Amino acid sequence: MKFENGGEEGVPRTFIRCTDPEMPFSGIRDHAMFAKEHPAWRYEELATGHDAMVTEPQACADLILAAARSS
């Protein structure tokens, strides 16, 4: 997301990577590695597929709540 008038500075960011199975698109992996290495991002992994909200709803909710609380 890019704000036309700025404003994204200081906004907390969390990347939740679903790893089992991992999405086959290399672009996802590139974004995940960027987030993992960038100090402005919080990086988390969840051992489930892309539909984490269906397959692991509690774990998914826990990560989202933890991200919200850390901001």
C-alpha atoms as a PDB file:
ATOM      1  CA  MET A   1       0.000   0.000   0.000  1.00  0.00           C
ATOM      2  CA  LYS A   2       1.312   3.433  -0.859  1.00  0.00           C
ATOM      3  CA  PHE A   3      -0.228   6.568   0.597  1.00  0.00           C
ATOM      4  CA  GLU A   4      -0.269   9.544  -1.761  1.00  0.00           C
ATOM      5  CA  ASN A   5       0.367  12.056   1.013  1.00  0.00           C
ATOM      6  CA  GLY A   6       2.793  10.008   3.094  1.00  0.00           C
ATOM      7  CA  GLY A   7       1.567   8.713   6.413  1.00  0.00           C
ATOM      8  CA  GLU A   8       2.897   5.171   6.263  1.00  0.00           C
ATOM      9  CA  GLU A   9       5.918   6.024   8.407  1.00  0.00           C
ATOM     10  CA  GLY A  10       5.623   4.456  11.834  1.00  0.00           C
ATOM     11  CA  VAL A  11       2.673   2.238  10.916  1.00  0.00           C
ATOM     12  CA  PRO A  12       3.330  -1.238  12.379  1.00  0.00           C
ATOM     13  CA  ARG A  13       3.716  -4.008   9.805  1.00  0.00           C
ATOM     14  CA  THR A  14       3.441  -7.755  10.256  1.00  0.00           C
ATOM     15  CA  PHE A  15       4.049 -10.439   7.640  1.00  0.00           C
ATOM     16  CA  ILE A  16       2.532 -13.840   8.448  1.00  0.00           C
ATOM     17  CA  ARG A  17       4.033 -16.509   6.212  1.00  0.00           C
ATOM     18  CA  CYS A  18       2.012 -19.700   5.788  1.00  0.00           C
ATOM     19  CA  THR A  19       4.538 -22.483   5.282  1.00  0.00           C
ATOM     20  CA  ASP A  20       2.771 -25.842   4.962  1.00  0.00           C
ATOM     21  CA  PRO A  21       2.365 -26.076   2.063  1.00  0.00           C
ATOM     22  CA  GLU A  22       4.186 -22.983   0.954  1.00  0.00           C
ATOM     23  CA  MET A  23       2.741 -21.052  -1.957  1.00  0.00           C
ATOM     24  CA  PRO A  24       4.699 -21.922  -5.101  1.00  0.00           C
ATOM     25  CA  PHE A  25       4.951 -18.315  -6.266  1.00  0.00           C
ATOM     26  CA  SER A  26       8.492 -16.997  -5.861  1.00  0.00           C
ATOM     27  CA  GLY A  27       7.165 -13.465  -5.373  1.00  0.00           C
ATOM     28  CA  ILE A  28       5.616 -14.479  -2.058  1.00  0.00           C
ATOM     29  CA  ARG A  29       8.947 -15.873  -0.890  1.00  0.00           C
ATOM     30  CA  ASP A  30      10.724 -12.656  -1.895  1.00  0.00           C
ATOM     31  CA  HIS A  31       8.246 -10.532   0.063  1.00  0.00           C
ATOM     32  CA  ALA A  32       8.567 -12.825   3.072  1.00  0.00           C
ATOM     33  CA  MET A  33      12.361 -12.617   3.059  1.00  0.00           C
ATOM     34  CA  PHE A  34      12.217  -8.835   2.761  1.00  0.00           C
ATOM     35  CA  ALA A  35       9.880  -8.638   5.758  1.00  0.00           C
ATOM     36  CA  LYS A  36      11.972 -11.100   7.761  1.00  0.00           C
ATOM     37  CA  GLU A  37      15.143  -9.064   7.248  1.00  0.00           C
ATOM     38  CA  HIS A  38      13.688  -5.549   7.494  1.00  0.00           C
ATOM     39  CA  PRO A  39      13.670  -4.025  10.993  1.00  0.00           C
ATOM     40  CA  ALA A  40      10.388  -2.174  10.382  1.00  0.00           C
ATOM     41  CA  TRP A  41       8.544  -5.468   9.891  1.00  0.00           C
ATOM     42  CA  ARG A  42       7.471  -8.105  12.372  1.00  0.00           C
ATOM     43  CA  TYR A  43       7.770 -11.547  10.755  1.00  0.00           C
ATOM     44  CA  GLU A  44       5.821 -14.632  11.842  1.00  0.00           C
ATOM     45  CA  GLU A  45       5.352 -18.108  10.399  1.00  0.00           C
ATOM     46  CA  LEU A  46       2.329 -20.348  10.644  1.00  0.00           C
ATOM     47  CA  ALA A  47       2.650 -24.032   9.698  1.00  0.00           C
ATOM     48  CA  THR A  48      -0.476 -24.205   7.578  1.00  0.00           C
ATOM     49  CA  GLY A  49      -1.581 -23.443   4.048  1.00  0.00           C
ATOM     50  CA  HIS A  50      -2.754 -20.171   2.558  1.00  0.00           C
ATOM     51  CA  ASP A  51      -6.249 -20.511   4.066  1.00  0.00           C
ATOM     52  CA  ALA A  52      -4.959 -20.163   7.629  1.00  0.00           C
ATOM     53  CA  MET A  53      -8.191 -18.552   8.783  1.00  0.00           C
ATOM     54  CA  VAL A  54      -9.985 -21.795   7.848  1.00  0.00           C
ATOM     55  CA  THR A  55      -7.400 -24.459   8.691  1.00  0.00           C
ATOM     56  CA  GLU A  56      -5.882 -22.855  11.820  1.00  0.00           C
ATOM     57  CA  PRO A  57      -8.335 -20.156  12.927  1.00  0.00           C
ATOM     58  CA  GLN A  58      -7.129 -19.926  16.531  1.00  0.00           C
ATOM     59  CA  ALA A  59      -3.433 -19.754  15.636  1.00  0.00           C
ATOM     60  CA  CYS A  60      -4.194 -17.195  12.933  1.00  0.00           C
ATOM     61  CA  ALA A  61      -6.252 -15.069  15.329  1.00  0.00           C
ATOM     62  CA  ASP A  62      -3.544 -15.325  17.996  1.00  0.00           C
ATOM     63  CA  LEU A  63      -0.898 -13.982  15.596  1.00  0.00           C
ATOM     64  CA  ILE A  64      -3.134 -11.127  14.467  1.00  0.00           C
ATOM     65  CA  LEU A  65      -3.970 -10.202  18.068  1.00  0.00           C
ATOM     66  CA  ALA A  66      -0.293 -10.362  19.068  1.00  0.00           C
ATOM     67  CA  ALA A  67       0.581  -8.059  16.174  1.00  0.00           C
ATOM     68  CA  ALA A  68      -2.146  -5.604  17.187  1.00  0.00           C
ATOM     69  CA  ARG A  69      -1.007  -5.614  20.808  1.00  0.00           C
ATOM     70  CA  SER A  70       2.630  -5.001  19.896  1.00  0.00           C
ATOM     71  CA  SER A  71       1.843  -1.863  17.931  1.00  0.00           C
END
